[in-house]
PDB file of N, CA and C in Angstrom:
ATOM      1  N   MET A   1     -14.125  -8.851   2.948  1.00  0.00           N
ATOM      2  CA  MET A   1     -14.180  -7.917   1.837  1.00  0.00           C
ATOM      3  C   MET A   1     -15.325  -6.953   2.044  1.00  0.00           C
ATOM      4  N   THR A   2     -15.119  -5.747   1.660  1.00  0.00           N
ATOM      5  CA  THR A   2     -16.156  -4.733   1.725  1.00  0.00           C
ATOM      6  C   THR A   2     -16.759  -4.564   0.340  1.00  0.00           C
ATOM      7  N   PRO A   3     -18.023  -4.962   0.156  1.00  0.00           N
ATOM      8  CA  PRO A   3     -18.634  -4.750  -1.158  1.00  0.00           C
ATOM      9  C   PRO A   3     -18.704  -3.263  -1.470  1.00  0.00           C
ATOM     10  N   ALA A   4     -18.587  -2.949  -2.729  1.00  0.00           N
ATOM     11  CA  ALA A   4     -18.600  -1.547  -3.151  1.00  0.00           C
ATOM     12  C   ALA A   4     -19.901  -0.859  -2.741  1.00  0.00           C
ATOM     13  N   ASP A   5     -21.011  -1.607  -2.726  1.00  0.00           N
ATOM     14  CA  ASP A   5     -22.303  -1.004  -2.392  1.00  0.00           C
ATOM     15  C   ASP A   5     -22.438  -0.690  -0.906  1.00  0.00           C
ATOM     16  N   ALA A   6     -21.614  -1.315  -0.049  1.00  0.00           N
ATOM     17  CA  ALA A   6     -21.752  -1.129   1.389  1.00  0.00           C
ATOM     18  C   ALA A   6     -21.201   0.214   1.861  1.00  0.00           C
ATOM     19  N   LEU A   7     -20.425   0.871   1.055  1.00  0.00           N
ATOM     20  CA  LEU A   7     -19.832   2.150   1.445  1.00  0.00           C
ATOM     21  C   LEU A   7     -20.561   3.306   0.776  1.00  0.00           C
ATOM     22  N   SER A   8     -20.623   4.406   1.481  1.00  0.00           N
ATOM     23  CA  SER A   8     -21.201   5.608   0.885  1.00  0.00           C
ATOM     24  C   SER A   8     -20.265   6.094  -0.212  1.00  0.00           C
ATOM     25  N   PRO A   9     -20.771   6.863  -1.156  1.00  0.00           N
ATOM     26  CA  PRO A   9     -19.899   7.381  -2.219  1.00  0.00           C
ATOM     27  C   PRO A   9     -18.718   8.194  -1.677  1.00  0.00           C
ATOM     28  N   THR A  10     -18.938   8.920  -0.590  1.00  0.00           N
ATOM     29  CA  THR A  10     -17.853   9.712  -0.010  1.00  0.00           C
ATOM     30  C   THR A  10     -16.761   8.811   0.551  1.00  0.00           C
ATOM     31  N   ARG A  11     -17.151   7.772   1.305  1.00  0.00           N
ATOM     32  CA  ARG A  11     -16.172   6.839   1.859  1.00  0.00           C
ATOM     33  C   ARG A  11     -15.452   6.090   0.747  1.00  0.00           C
ATOM     34  N   ARG A  12     -16.183   5.705  -0.264  1.00  0.00           N
ATOM     35  CA  ARG A  12     -15.567   5.001  -1.388  1.00  0.00           C
ATOM     36  C   ARG A  12     -14.518   5.876  -2.074  1.00  0.00           C
ATOM     37  N   ALA A  13     -14.830   7.149  -2.258  1.00  0.00           N
ATOM     38  CA  ALA A  13     -13.875   8.071  -2.882  1.00  0.00           C
ATOM     39  C   ALA A  13     -12.641   8.256  -2.010  1.00  0.00           C
ATOM     40  N   LEU A  14     -12.829   8.342  -0.703  1.00  0.00           N
ATOM     41  CA  LEU A  14     -11.695   8.493   0.205  1.00  0.00           C
ATOM     42  C   LEU A  14     -10.788   7.261   0.180  1.00  0.00           C
ATOM     43  N   VAL A  15     -11.395   6.090   0.194  1.00  0.00           N
ATOM     44  CA  VAL A  15     -10.598   4.864   0.179  1.00  0.00           C
ATOM     45  C   VAL A  15      -9.911   4.693  -1.178  1.00  0.00           C
ATOM     46  N   CYS A  16     -10.568   5.077  -2.250  1.00  0.00           N
ATOM     47  CA  CYS A  16      -9.919   5.028  -3.569  1.00  0.00           C
ATOM     48  C   CYS A  16      -8.712   5.954  -3.617  1.00  0.00           C
ATOM     49  N   SER A  17      -8.792   7.091  -2.943  1.00  0.00           N
ATOM     50  CA  SER A  17      -7.649   8.001  -2.886  1.00  0.00           C
ATOM     51  C   SER A  17      -6.478   7.352  -2.154  1.00  0.00           C
ATOM     52  N   ALA A  18      -6.760   6.650  -1.071  1.00  0.00           N
ATOM     53  CA  ALA A  18      -5.698   5.962  -0.338  1.00  0.00           C
ATOM     54  C   ALA A  18      -5.119   4.819  -1.169  1.00  0.00           C
ATOM     55  N   ALA A  19      -5.961   4.134  -1.933  1.00  0.00           N
ATOM     56  CA  ALA A  19      -5.475   3.070  -2.819  1.00  0.00           C
ATOM     57  C   ALA A  19      -4.574   3.652  -3.903  1.00  0.00           C
ATOM     58  N   ALA A  20      -4.908   4.839  -4.391  1.00  0.00           N
ATOM     59  CA  ALA A  20      -4.052   5.501  -5.380  1.00  0.00           C
ATOM     60  C   ALA A  20      -2.698   5.846  -4.766  1.00  0.00           C
ATOM     61  N   LEU A  21      -2.675   6.207  -3.493  1.00  0.00           N
ATOM     62  CA  LEU A  21      -1.399   6.468  -2.814  1.00  0.00           C
ATOM     63  C   LEU A  21      -0.543   5.200  -2.750  1.00  0.00           C
ATOM     64  N   LEU A  22      -1.173   4.074  -2.469  1.00  0.00           N
ATOM     65  CA  LEU A  22      -0.421   2.816  -2.433  1.00  0.00           C
ATOM     66  C   LEU A  22       0.175   2.501  -3.806  1.00  0.00           C
ATOM     67  N   ALA A  23      -0.622   2.674  -4.849  1.00  0.00           N
ATOM     68  CA  ALA A  23      -0.110   2.427  -6.200  1.00  0.00           C
ATOM     69  C   ALA A  23       1.020   3.403  -6.525  1.00  0.00           C
ATOM     70  N   TYR A  24       0.895   4.632  -6.077  1.00  0.00           N
ATOM     71  CA  TYR A  24       1.936   5.637  -6.306  1.00  0.00           C
ATOM     72  C   TYR A  24       3.244   5.230  -5.630  1.00  0.00           C
ATOM     73  N   VAL A  25       3.169   4.724  -4.423  1.00  0.00           N
ATOM     74  CA  VAL A  25       4.371   4.278  -3.724  1.00  0.00           C
ATOM     75  C   VAL A  25       5.019   3.125  -4.493  1.00  0.00           C
ATOM     76  N   GLY A  26       4.210   2.243  -5.087  1.00  0.00           N
ATOM     77  CA  GLY A  26       4.765   1.174  -5.922  1.00  0.00           C
ATOM     78  C   GLY A  26       5.505   1.738  -7.128  1.00  0.00           C
ATOM     79  N   LEU A  27       4.954   2.767  -7.749  1.00  0.00           N
ATOM     80  CA  LEU A  27       5.635   3.407  -8.878  1.00  0.00           C
ATOM     81  C   LEU A  27       6.937   4.079  -8.449  1.00  0.00           C
ATOM     82  N   VAL A  28       6.902   4.767  -7.328  1.00  0.00           N
ATOM     83  CA  VAL A  28       8.114   5.416  -6.815  1.00  0.00           C
ATOM     84  C   VAL A  28       9.177   4.363  -6.533  1.00  0.00           C
ATOM     85  N   HIS A  29       8.753   3.246  -5.938  1.00  0.00           N
ATOM     86  CA  HIS A  29       9.677   2.152  -5.643  1.00  0.00           C
ATOM     87  C   HIS A  29      10.370   1.680  -6.923  1.00  0.00           C
ATOM     88  N   GLU A  30       9.615   1.571  -7.997  1.00  0.00           N
ATOM     89  CA  GLU A  30      10.170   1.079  -9.252  1.00  0.00           C
ATOM     90  C   GLU A  30      11.079   2.093  -9.939  1.00  0.00           C
ATOM     91  N   PHE A  31      10.697   3.352  -9.952  1.00  0.00           N
ATOM     92  CA  PHE A  31      11.410   4.325 -10.775  1.00  0.00           C
ATOM     93  C   PHE A  31      12.530   5.070 -10.061  1.00  0.00           C
ATOM     94  N   VAL A  32      12.407   5.331  -8.778  1.00  0.00           N
ATOM     95  CA  VAL A  32      13.481   6.049  -8.089  1.00  0.00           C
ATOM     96  C   VAL A  32      14.021   5.304  -6.878  1.00  0.00           C
ATOM     97  N   GLY A  33      13.484   4.140  -6.604  1.00  0.00           N
ATOM     98  CA  GLY A  33      13.899   3.395  -5.421  1.00  0.00           C
ATOM     99  C   GLY A  33      15.375   3.074  -5.376  1.00  0.00           C
ATOM    100  N   THR A  34      15.934   2.627  -6.485  1.00  0.00           N
ATOM    101  CA  THR A  34      17.348   2.260  -6.486  1.00  0.00           C
ATOM    102  C   THR A  34      18.256   3.489  -6.428  1.00  0.00           C
ATOM    103  N   LYS A  35      17.757   4.642  -6.835  1.00  0.00           N
ATOM    104  CA  LYS A  35      18.549   5.876  -6.710  1.00  0.00           C
ATOM    105  C   LYS A  35      18.607   6.316  -5.240  1.00  0.00           C
ATOM    106  N   LEU A  36      17.461   6.193  -4.551  1.00  0.00           N
ATOM    107  CA  LEU A  36      17.423   6.593  -3.146  1.00  0.00           C
ATOM    108  C   LEU A  36      18.084   5.563  -2.240  1.00  0.00           C
ATOM    109  N   TYR A  37      17.915   4.293  -2.578  1.00  0.00           N
ATOM    110  CA  TYR A  37      18.440   3.202  -1.754  1.00  0.00           C
ATOM    111  C   TYR A  37      19.225   2.232  -2.635  1.00  0.00           C
ATOM    112  N   PRO A  38      20.488   2.542  -2.927  1.00  0.00           N
ATOM    113  CA  PRO A  38      21.275   1.663  -3.802  1.00  0.00           C
ATOM    114  C   PRO A  38      21.437   0.238  -3.254  1.00  0.00           C
ATOM    115  N   ASP A  39      21.411   0.091  -1.922  1.00  0.00           N
ATOM    116  CA  ASP A  39      21.528  -1.245  -1.341  1.00  0.00           C
ATOM    117  C   ASP A  39      20.160  -1.921  -1.174  1.00  0.00           C
ATOM    118  N   GLY A  40      19.088  -1.277  -1.631  1.00  0.00           N
ATOM    119  CA  GLY A  40      17.733  -1.813  -1.490  1.00  0.00           C
ATOM    120  C   GLY A  40      17.528  -3.179  -2.108  1.00  0.00           C
ATOM    121  N   PRO A  41      17.935  -3.399  -3.372  1.00  0.00           N
ATOM    122  CA  PRO A  41      17.725  -4.720  -3.965  1.00  0.00           C
ATOM    123  C   PRO A  41      18.390  -5.845  -3.179  1.00  0.00           C
ATOM    124  N   ALA A  42      19.510  -5.571  -2.540  1.00  0.00           N
ATOM    125  CA  ALA A  42      20.170  -6.606  -1.734  1.00  0.00           C
ATOM    126  C   ALA A  42      19.305  -7.017  -0.542  1.00  0.00           C
ATOM    127  N   TRP A  43      18.571  -6.068   0.017  1.00  0.00           N
ATOM    128  CA  TRP A  43      17.684  -6.382   1.140  1.00  0.00           C
ATOM    129  C   TRP A  43      16.500  -7.234   0.702  1.00  0.00           C
ATOM    130  N   PHE A  44      16.178  -7.215  -0.585  1.00  0.00           N
ATOM    131  CA  PHE A  44      15.066  -8.003  -1.117  1.00  0.00           C
ATOM    132  C   PHE A  44      15.547  -9.285  -1.792  1.00  0.00           C
ATOM    133  N   GLY A  45      16.833  -9.604  -1.659  1.00  0.00           N
ATOM    134  CA  GLY A  45      17.366 -10.829  -2.244  1.00  0.00           C
ATOM    135  C   GLY A  45      17.753 -10.685  -3.699  1.00  0.00           C
ATOM    136  N   GLY A  46      17.837  -9.492  -4.203  1.00  0.00           N
ATOM    137  CA  GLY A  46      18.230  -9.256  -5.590  1.00  0.00           C
ATOM    138  C   GLY A  46      17.186  -8.469  -6.341  1.00  0.00           C
ATOM    139  N   PRO A  47      17.438  -8.244  -7.623  1.00  0.00           N
ATOM    140  CA  PRO A  47      16.521  -7.409  -8.404  1.00  0.00           C
ATOM    141  C   PRO A  47      15.133  -8.021  -8.593  1.00  0.00           C
ATOM    142  N   VAL A  48      15.061  -9.348  -8.623  1.00  0.00           N
ATOM    143  CA  VAL A  48      13.741  -9.968  -8.813  1.00  0.00           C
ATOM    144  C   VAL A  48      12.839  -9.669  -7.620  1.00  0.00           C
ATOM    145  N   GLY A  49      13.350  -9.847  -6.420  1.00  0.00           N
ATOM    146  CA  GLY A  49      12.572  -9.537  -5.224  1.00  0.00           C
ATOM    147  C   GLY A  49      12.243  -8.062  -5.122  1.00  0.00           C
ATOM    148  N   TRP A  50      13.208  -7.239  -5.510  1.00  0.00           N
ATOM    149  CA  TRP A  50      13.010  -5.790  -5.477  1.00  0.00           C
ATOM    150  C   TRP A  50      11.847  -5.371  -6.385  1.00  0.00           C
ATOM    151  N   HIS A  51      11.875  -5.850  -7.622  1.00  0.00           N
ATOM    152  CA  HIS A  51      10.815  -5.481  -8.571  1.00  0.00           C
ATOM    153  C   HIS A  51       9.490  -6.146  -8.232  1.00  0.00           C
ATOM    154  N   ALA A  52       9.544  -7.330  -7.649  1.00  0.00           N
ATOM    155  CA  ALA A  52       8.302  -7.985  -7.220  1.00  0.00           C
ATOM    156  C   ALA A  52       7.606  -7.155  -6.150  1.00  0.00           C
ATOM    157  N   ALA A  53       8.374  -6.583  -5.240  1.00  0.00           N
ATOM    158  CA  ALA A  53       7.787  -5.748  -4.191  1.00  0.00           C
ATOM    159  C   ALA A  53       7.155  -4.479  -4.781  1.00  0.00           C
ATOM    160  N   GLY A  54       7.874  -3.810  -5.666  1.00  0.00           N
ATOM    161  CA  GLY A  54       7.346  -2.574  -6.253  1.00  0.00           C
ATOM    162  C   GLY A  54       6.127  -2.812  -7.127  1.00  0.00           C
ATOM    163  N   LEU A  55       6.232  -3.797  -8.013  1.00  0.00           N
ATOM    164  CA  LEU A  55       5.106  -4.088  -8.906  1.00  0.00           C
ATOM    165  C   LEU A  55       3.933  -4.700  -8.141  1.00  0.00           C
ATOM    166  N   GLY A  56       4.240  -5.464  -7.089  1.00  0.00           N
ATOM    167  CA  GLY A  56       3.177  -6.029  -6.259  1.00  0.00           C
ATOM    168  C   GLY A  56       2.392  -4.947  -5.541  1.00  0.00           C
ATOM    169  N   LEU A  57       3.088  -3.945  -5.038  1.00  0.00           N
ATOM    170  CA  LEU A  57       2.401  -2.839  -4.378  1.00  0.00           C
ATOM    171  C   LEU A  57       1.571  -2.043  -5.370  1.00  0.00           C
ATOM    172  N   LEU A  58       2.101  -1.828  -6.549  1.00  0.00           N
ATOM    173  CA  LEU A  58       1.336  -1.150  -7.598  1.00  0.00           C
ATOM    174  C   LEU A  58       0.068  -1.939  -7.922  1.00  0.00           C
ATOM    175  N   ALA A  59       0.209  -3.245  -8.092  1.00  0.00           N
ATOM    176  CA  ALA A  59      -0.948  -4.096  -8.395  1.00  0.00           C
ATOM    177  C   ALA A  59      -1.950  -4.111  -7.240  1.00  0.00           C
ATOM    178  N   ALA A  60      -1.461  -4.143  -6.008  1.00  0.00           N
ATOM    179  CA  ALA A  60      -2.362  -4.153  -4.852  1.00  0.00           C
ATOM    180  C   ALA A  60      -3.179  -2.865  -4.787  1.00  0.00           C
ATOM    181  N   GLY A  61      -2.538  -1.739  -5.037  1.00  0.00           N
ATOM    182  CA  GLY A  61      -3.270  -0.471  -5.045  1.00  0.00           C
ATOM    183  C   GLY A  61      -4.344  -0.449  -6.116  1.00  0.00           C
ATOM    184  N   ILE A  62      -4.004  -0.958  -7.291  1.00  0.00           N
ATOM    185  CA  ILE A  62      -4.980  -1.007  -8.381  1.00  0.00           C
ATOM    186  C   ILE A  62      -6.116  -1.976  -8.052  1.00  0.00           C
ATOM    187  N   LEU A  63      -5.794  -3.114  -7.425  1.00  0.00           N
ATOM    188  CA  LEU A  63      -6.830  -4.084  -7.049  1.00  0.00           C
ATOM    189  C   LEU A  63      -7.797  -3.508  -6.015  1.00  0.00           C
ATOM    190  N   ILE A  64      -7.262  -2.807  -5.033  1.00  0.00           N
ATOM    191  CA  ILE A  64      -8.139  -2.183  -4.032  1.00  0.00           C
ATOM    192  C   ILE A  64      -9.032  -1.148  -4.701  1.00  0.00           C
ATOM    193  N   PHE A  65      -8.458  -0.368  -5.575  1.00  0.00           N
ATOM    194  CA  PHE A  65      -9.223   0.630  -6.321  1.00  0.00           C
ATOM    195  C   PHE A  65     -10.343  -0.054  -7.122  1.00  0.00           C
ATOM    196  N   ALA A  66     -10.001  -1.139  -7.828  1.00  0.00           N
ATOM    197  CA  ALA A  66     -10.994  -1.859  -8.626  1.00  0.00           C
ATOM    198  C   ALA A  66     -12.081  -2.475  -7.751  1.00  0.00           C
ATOM    199  N   ALA A  67     -11.705  -2.988  -6.595  1.00  0.00           N
ATOM    200  CA  ALA A  67     -12.693  -3.593  -5.697  1.00  0.00           C
ATOM    201  C   ALA A  67     -13.688  -2.547  -5.202  1.00  0.00           C
ATOM    202  N   LEU A  68     -13.207  -1.364  -4.908  1.00  0.00           N
ATOM    203  CA  LEU A  68     -14.105  -0.329  -4.415  1.00  0.00           C
ATOM    204  C   LEU A  68     -14.977   0.261  -5.506  1.00  0.00           C
ATOM    205  N   LEU A  69     -14.579   0.046  -6.745  1.00  0.00           N
ATOM    206  CA  LEU A  69     -15.433   0.450  -7.863  1.00  0.00           C
ATOM    207  C   LEU A  69     -16.373  -0.676  -8.280  1.00  0.00           C
ATOM    208  N   GLY A  70     -16.270  -1.814  -7.593  1.00  0.00           N
ATOM    209  CA  GLY A  70     -17.136  -2.947  -7.886  1.00  0.00           C
ATOM    210  C   GLY A  70     -16.675  -3.793  -9.053  1.00  0.00           C
ATOM    211  N   ARG A  71     -15.411  -3.677  -9.461  1.00  0.00           N
ATOM    212  CA  ARG A  71     -14.889  -4.400 -10.619  1.00  0.00           C
ATOM    213  C   ARG A  71     -14.079  -5.630 -10.253  1.00  0.00           C
ATOM    214  N   ALA A  72     -13.760  -5.814  -8.979  1.00  0.00           N
ATOM    215  CA  ALA A  72     -12.976  -6.982  -8.550  1.00  0.00           C
ATOM    216  C   ALA A  72     -13.437  -7.396  -7.157  1.00  0.00           C
ATOM    217  N   ARG A  73     -13.273  -8.662  -6.862  1.00  0.00           N
ATOM    218  CA  ARG A  73     -13.607  -9.172  -5.527  1.00  0.00           C
ATOM    219  C   ARG A  73     -12.294  -9.436  -4.793  1.00  0.00           C
ATOM    220  N   VAL A  74     -11.945  -8.504  -3.919  1.00  0.00           N
ATOM    221  CA  VAL A  74     -10.682  -8.554  -3.200  1.00  0.00           C
ATOM    222  C   VAL A  74     -10.973  -8.267  -1.722  1.00  0.00           C
ATOM    223  N   PRO A  75     -10.325  -8.977  -0.803  1.00  0.00           N
ATOM    224  CA  PRO A  75     -10.485  -8.642   0.620  1.00  0.00           C
ATOM    225  C   PRO A  75      -9.741  -7.341   0.938  1.00  0.00           C
ATOM    226  N   VAL A  76     -10.410  -6.235   0.736  1.00  0.00           N
ATOM    227  CA  VAL A  76      -9.805  -4.907   0.790  1.00  0.00           C
ATOM    228  C   VAL A  76      -9.124  -4.644   2.127  1.00  0.00           C
ATOM    229  N   ARG A  77      -9.841  -4.854   3.226  1.00  0.00           N
ATOM    230  CA  ARG A  77      -9.282  -4.535   4.539  1.00  0.00           C
ATOM    231  C   ARG A  77      -8.108  -5.440   4.885  1.00  0.00           C
ATOM    232  N   ALA A  78      -8.196  -6.720   4.551  1.00  0.00           N
ATOM    233  CA  ALA A  78      -7.099  -7.651   4.849  1.00  0.00           C
ATOM    234  C   ALA A  78      -5.859  -7.306   4.025  1.00  0.00           C
ATOM    235  N   LEU A  79      -6.042  -7.026   2.753  1.00  0.00           N
ATOM    236  CA  LEU A  79      -4.924  -6.654   1.893  1.00  0.00           C
ATOM    237  C   LEU A  79      -4.271  -5.361   2.383  1.00  0.00           C
ATOM    238  N   ALA A  80      -5.088  -4.394   2.753  1.00  0.00           N
ATOM    239  CA  ALA A  80      -4.549  -3.129   3.258  1.00  0.00           C
ATOM    240  C   ALA A  80      -3.795  -3.349   4.569  1.00  0.00           C
ATOM    241  N   ALA A  81      -4.288  -4.229   5.422  1.00  0.00           N
ATOM    242  CA  ALA A  81      -3.596  -4.501   6.687  1.00  0.00           C
ATOM    243  C   ALA A  81      -2.225  -5.117   6.434  1.00  0.00           C
ATOM    244  N   VAL A  82      -2.136  -6.059   5.497  1.00  0.00           N
ATOM    245  CA  VAL A  82      -0.849  -6.683   5.169  1.00  0.00           C
ATOM    246  C   VAL A  82       0.118  -5.639   4.608  1.00  0.00           C
ATOM    247  N   LEU A  83      -0.369  -4.778   3.737  1.00  0.00           N
ATOM    248  CA  LEU A  83       0.483  -3.731   3.169  1.00  0.00           C
ATOM    249  C   LEU A  83       0.947  -2.753   4.245  1.00  0.00           C
ATOM    250  N   GLY A  84       0.076  -2.447   5.181  1.00  0.00           N
ATOM    251  CA  GLY A  84       0.446  -1.554   6.273  1.00  0.00           C
ATOM    252  C   GLY A  84       1.528  -2.157   7.159  1.00  0.00           C
ATOM    253  N   ILE A  85       1.418  -3.457   7.422  1.00  0.00           N
ATOM    254  CA  ILE A  85       2.442  -4.133   8.221  1.00  0.00           C
ATOM    255  C   ILE A  85       3.778  -4.130   7.481  1.00  0.00           C
ATOM    256  N   ALA A  86       3.751  -4.392   6.177  1.00  0.00           N
ATOM    257  CA  ALA A  86       4.989  -4.355   5.384  1.00  0.00           C
ATOM    258  C   ALA A  86       5.601  -2.959   5.403  1.00  0.00           C
ATOM    259  N   GLY A  87       4.773  -1.934   5.305  1.00  0.00           N
ATOM    260  CA  GLY A  87       5.269  -0.568   5.369  1.00  0.00           C
ATOM    261  C   GLY A  87       5.857  -0.239   6.731  1.00  0.00           C
ATOM    262  N   ALA A  88       5.246  -0.749   7.796  1.00  0.00           N
ATOM    263  CA  ALA A  88       5.769  -0.514   9.141  1.00  0.00           C
ATOM    264  C   ALA A  88       7.127  -1.189   9.327  1.00  0.00           C
ATOM    265  N   ILE A  89       7.259  -2.402   8.785  1.00  0.00           N
ATOM    266  CA  ILE A  89       8.545  -3.103   8.859  1.00  0.00           C
ATOM    267  C   ILE A  89       9.618  -2.313   8.110  1.00  0.00           C
ATOM    268  N   ALA A  90       9.285  -1.813   6.919  1.00  0.00           N
ATOM    269  CA  ALA A  90      10.256  -1.032   6.145  1.00  0.00           C
ATOM    270  C   ALA A  90      10.601   0.283   6.843  1.00  0.00           C
ATOM    271  N   THR A  91       9.623   0.928   7.445  1.00  0.00           N
ATOM    272  CA  THR A  91       9.871   2.179   8.155  1.00  0.00           C
ATOM    273  C   THR A  91      10.804   1.954   9.344  1.00  0.00           C
ATOM    274  N   CYS A  92      10.501   0.932  10.127  1.00  0.00           N
ATOM    275  CA  CYS A  92      11.344   0.623  11.292  1.00  0.00           C
ATOM    276  C   CYS A  92      12.719   0.128  10.861  1.00  0.00           C
ATOM    277  N   GLY A  93      12.778  -0.672   9.792  1.00  0.00           N
ATOM    278  CA  GLY A  93      14.053  -1.165   9.298  1.00  0.00           C
ATOM    279  C   GLY A  93      14.957  -0.043   8.833  1.00  0.00           C
ATOM    280  N   GLU A  94      14.399   0.925   8.144  1.00  0.00           N
ATOM    281  CA  GLU A  94      15.186   2.078   7.688  1.00  0.00           C
ATOM    282  C   GLU A  94      15.716   2.863   8.875  1.00  0.00           C
ATOM    283  N   ALA A  95      14.892   3.045   9.879  1.00  0.00           N
ATOM    284  CA  ALA A  95      15.337   3.775  11.067  1.00  0.00           C
ATOM    285  C   ALA A  95      16.442   3.013  11.786  1.00  0.00           C
ATOM    286  N   TYR A  96      16.321   1.703  11.858  1.00  0.00           N
ATOM    287  CA  TYR A  96      17.314   0.896  12.572  1.00  0.00           C
ATOM    288  C   TYR A  96      18.627   0.783  11.795  1.00  0.00           C
ATOM    289  N   VAL A  97      18.534   0.498  10.491  1.00  0.00           N
ATOM    290  CA  VAL A  97      19.739   0.247   9.698  1.00  0.00           C
ATOM    291  C   VAL A  97      20.477   1.534   9.346  1.00  0.00           C
ATOM    292  N   HIS A  98      19.736   2.534   8.848  1.00  0.00           N
ATOM    293  CA  HIS A  98      20.382   3.758   8.373  1.00  0.00           C
ATOM    294  C   HIS A  98      20.154   4.958   9.279  1.00  0.00           C
ATOM    295  N   GLY A  99      19.305   4.805  10.281  1.00  0.00           N
ATOM    296  CA  GLY A  99      19.001   5.934  11.156  1.00  0.00           C
ATOM    297  C   GLY A  99      18.196   7.016  10.472  1.00  0.00           C
ATOM    298  N   GLY A 100      17.474   6.643   9.402  1.00  0.00           N
ATOM    299  CA  GLY A 100      16.699   7.617   8.639  1.00  0.00           C
ATOM    300  C   GLY A 100      15.215   7.348   8.702  1.00  0.00           C
ATOM    301  N   PHE A 101      14.484   8.157   7.963  1.00  0.00           N
ATOM    302  CA  PHE A 101      13.029   8.045   7.896  1.00  0.00           C
ATOM    303  C   PHE A 101      12.633   7.708   6.468  1.00  0.00           C
ATOM    304  N   HIS A 102      11.962   6.603   6.289  1.00  0.00           N
ATOM    305  CA  HIS A 102      11.535   6.160   4.958  1.00  0.00           C
ATOM    306  C   HIS A 102      10.123   6.698   4.720  1.00  0.00           C
ATOM    307  N   PHE A 103      10.047   7.857   4.079  1.00  0.00           N
ATOM    308  CA  PHE A 103       8.767   8.534   3.898  1.00  0.00           C
ATOM    309  C   PHE A 103       7.763   7.694   3.117  1.00  0.00           C
ATOM    310  N   PHE A 104       8.214   7.014   2.070  1.00  0.00           N
ATOM    311  CA  PHE A 104       7.278   6.272   1.238  1.00  0.00           C
ATOM    312  C   PHE A 104       6.741   5.040   1.956  1.00  0.00           C
ATOM    313  N   ALA A 105       7.576   4.379   2.750  1.00  0.00           N
ATOM    314  CA  ALA A 105       7.090   3.246   3.539  1.00  0.00           C
ATOM    315  C   ALA A 105       6.088   3.735   4.585  1.00  0.00           C
ATOM    316  N   PHE A 106       6.361   4.898   5.175  1.00  0.00           N
ATOM    317  CA  PHE A 106       5.412   5.456   6.136  1.00  0.00           C
ATOM    318  C   PHE A 106       4.102   5.841   5.444  1.00  0.00           C
ATOM    319  N   THR A 107       4.186   6.279   4.196  1.00  0.00           N
ATOM    320  CA  THR A 107       2.977   6.566   3.423  1.00  0.00           C
ATOM    321  C   THR A 107       2.139   5.307   3.269  1.00  0.00           C
ATOM    322  N   MET A 108       2.797   4.157   3.070  1.00  0.00           N
ATOM    323  CA  MET A 108       2.071   2.879   3.016  1.00  0.00           C
ATOM    324  C   MET A 108       1.317   2.620   4.311  1.00  0.00           C
ATOM    325  N   VAL A 109       1.960   2.890   5.440  1.00  0.00           N
ATOM    326  CA  VAL A 109       1.331   2.659   6.745  1.00  0.00           C
ATOM    327  C   VAL A 109       0.092   3.534   6.892  1.00  0.00           C
ATOM    328  N   VAL A 110       0.229   4.807   6.590  1.00  0.00           N
ATOM    329  CA  VAL A 110      -0.884   5.745   6.764  1.00  0.00           C
ATOM    330  C   VAL A 110      -2.030   5.421   5.798  1.00  0.00           C
ATOM    331  N   ALA A 111      -1.708   5.194   4.523  1.00  0.00           N
ATOM    332  CA  ALA A 111      -2.755   4.895   3.536  1.00  0.00           C
ATOM    333  C   ALA A 111      -3.461   3.586   3.880  1.00  0.00           C
ATOM    334  N   SER A 112      -2.716   2.587   4.306  1.00  0.00           N
ATOM    335  CA  SER A 112      -3.324   1.301   4.656  1.00  0.00           C
ATOM    336  C   SER A 112      -4.220   1.418   5.882  1.00  0.00           C
ATOM    337  N   ALA A 113      -3.752   2.133   6.893  1.00  0.00           N
ATOM    338  CA  ALA A 113      -4.576   2.341   8.085  1.00  0.00           C
ATOM    339  C   ALA A 113      -5.852   3.097   7.733  1.00  0.00           C
ATOM    340  N   PHE A 114      -5.729   4.063   6.858  1.00  0.00           N
ATOM    341  CA  PHE A 114      -6.896   4.826   6.410  1.00  0.00           C
ATOM    342  C   PHE A 114      -7.903   3.903   5.721  1.00  0.00           C
ATOM    343  N   ILE A 115      -7.407   3.020   4.853  1.00  0.00           N
ATOM    344  CA  ILE A 115      -8.295   2.090   4.152  1.00  0.00           C
ATOM    345  C   ILE A 115      -9.000   1.176   5.148  1.00  0.00           C
ATOM    346  N   VAL A 116      -8.244   0.621   6.082  1.00  0.00           N
ATOM    347  CA  VAL A 116      -8.831  -0.303   7.057  1.00  0.00           C
ATOM    348  C   VAL A 116      -9.900   0.400   7.883  1.00  0.00           C
ATOM    349  N   LEU A 117      -9.636   1.611   8.318  1.00  0.00           N
ATOM    350  CA  LEU A 117     -10.579   2.319   9.174  1.00  0.00           C
ATOM    351  C   LEU A 117     -11.798   2.862   8.429  1.00  0.00           C
ATOM    352  N   VAL A 118     -11.582   3.410   7.258  1.00  0.00           N
ATOM    353  CA  VAL A 118     -12.683   4.053   6.541  1.00  0.00           C
ATOM    354  C   VAL A 118     -13.569   3.039   5.809  1.00  0.00           C
ATOM    355  N   SER A 119     -13.014   1.887   5.433  1.00  0.00           N
ATOM    356  CA  SER A 119     -13.810   0.923   4.676  1.00  0.00           C
ATOM    357  C   SER A 119     -14.613  -0.017   5.570  1.00  0.00           C
ATOM    358  N   ARG A 120     -14.664   0.279   6.867  1.00  0.00           N
ATOM    359  CA  ARG A 120     -15.507  -0.533   7.750  1.00  0.00           C
ATOM    360  C   ARG A 120     -16.969  -0.312   7.372  1.00  0.00           C
ATOM    361  N   PRO A 121     -17.750  -1.373   7.443  1.00  0.00           N
ATOM    362  CA  PRO A 121     -19.179  -1.196   7.157  1.00  0.00           C
ATOM    363  C   PRO A 121     -19.825  -0.267   8.196  1.00  0.00           C
ATOM    364  N   ALA A 122     -20.780   0.499   7.751  1.00  0.00           N
ATOM    365  CA  ALA A 122     -21.487   1.410   8.647  1.00  0.00           C
ATOM    366  C   ALA A 122     -22.314   0.598   9.638  1.00  0.00           C
ATOM    367  N   PRO A 123     -22.427   1.081  10.878  1.00  0.00           N
ATOM    368  CA  PRO A 123     -23.255   0.356  11.859  1.00  0.00           C
ATOM    369  C   PRO A 123     -24.718   0.348  11.429  1.00  0.00           C
ATOM    370  N   ALA A 124     -25.369  -0.756  11.735  1.00  0.00           N
ATOM    371  CA  ALA A 124     -26.772  -0.911  11.315  1.00  0.00           C
ATOM    372  C   ALA A 124     -27.722  -0.151  12.187  1.00  0.00           C
TER     373      ALA A 124
END
């Protein structure tokens, strides 16, 4: 975990912006996901899995944001890495199954990579 005090205010603001992107992707998943991908819930085992993924991503983005503000103790880099891997799987899966590009899943990859790289502690 990266303590909020270990990052400069500029780095903290940048990582909070990436966390907001992750939460935004969770909202998009919930509100327009089934319109864009009608077969999406079937890939998640039904509506429960589908909504768990969207709401979980929303919660993860909020948790990372809270951790960087010093309000929660969360392993920020580890959580972001897991989310990035999930986004990479969804991006590759969309390309393989439908031959398309899943922009929001790719946004997860980019935002997560940004969090992992920028939230590294500064060298001593």
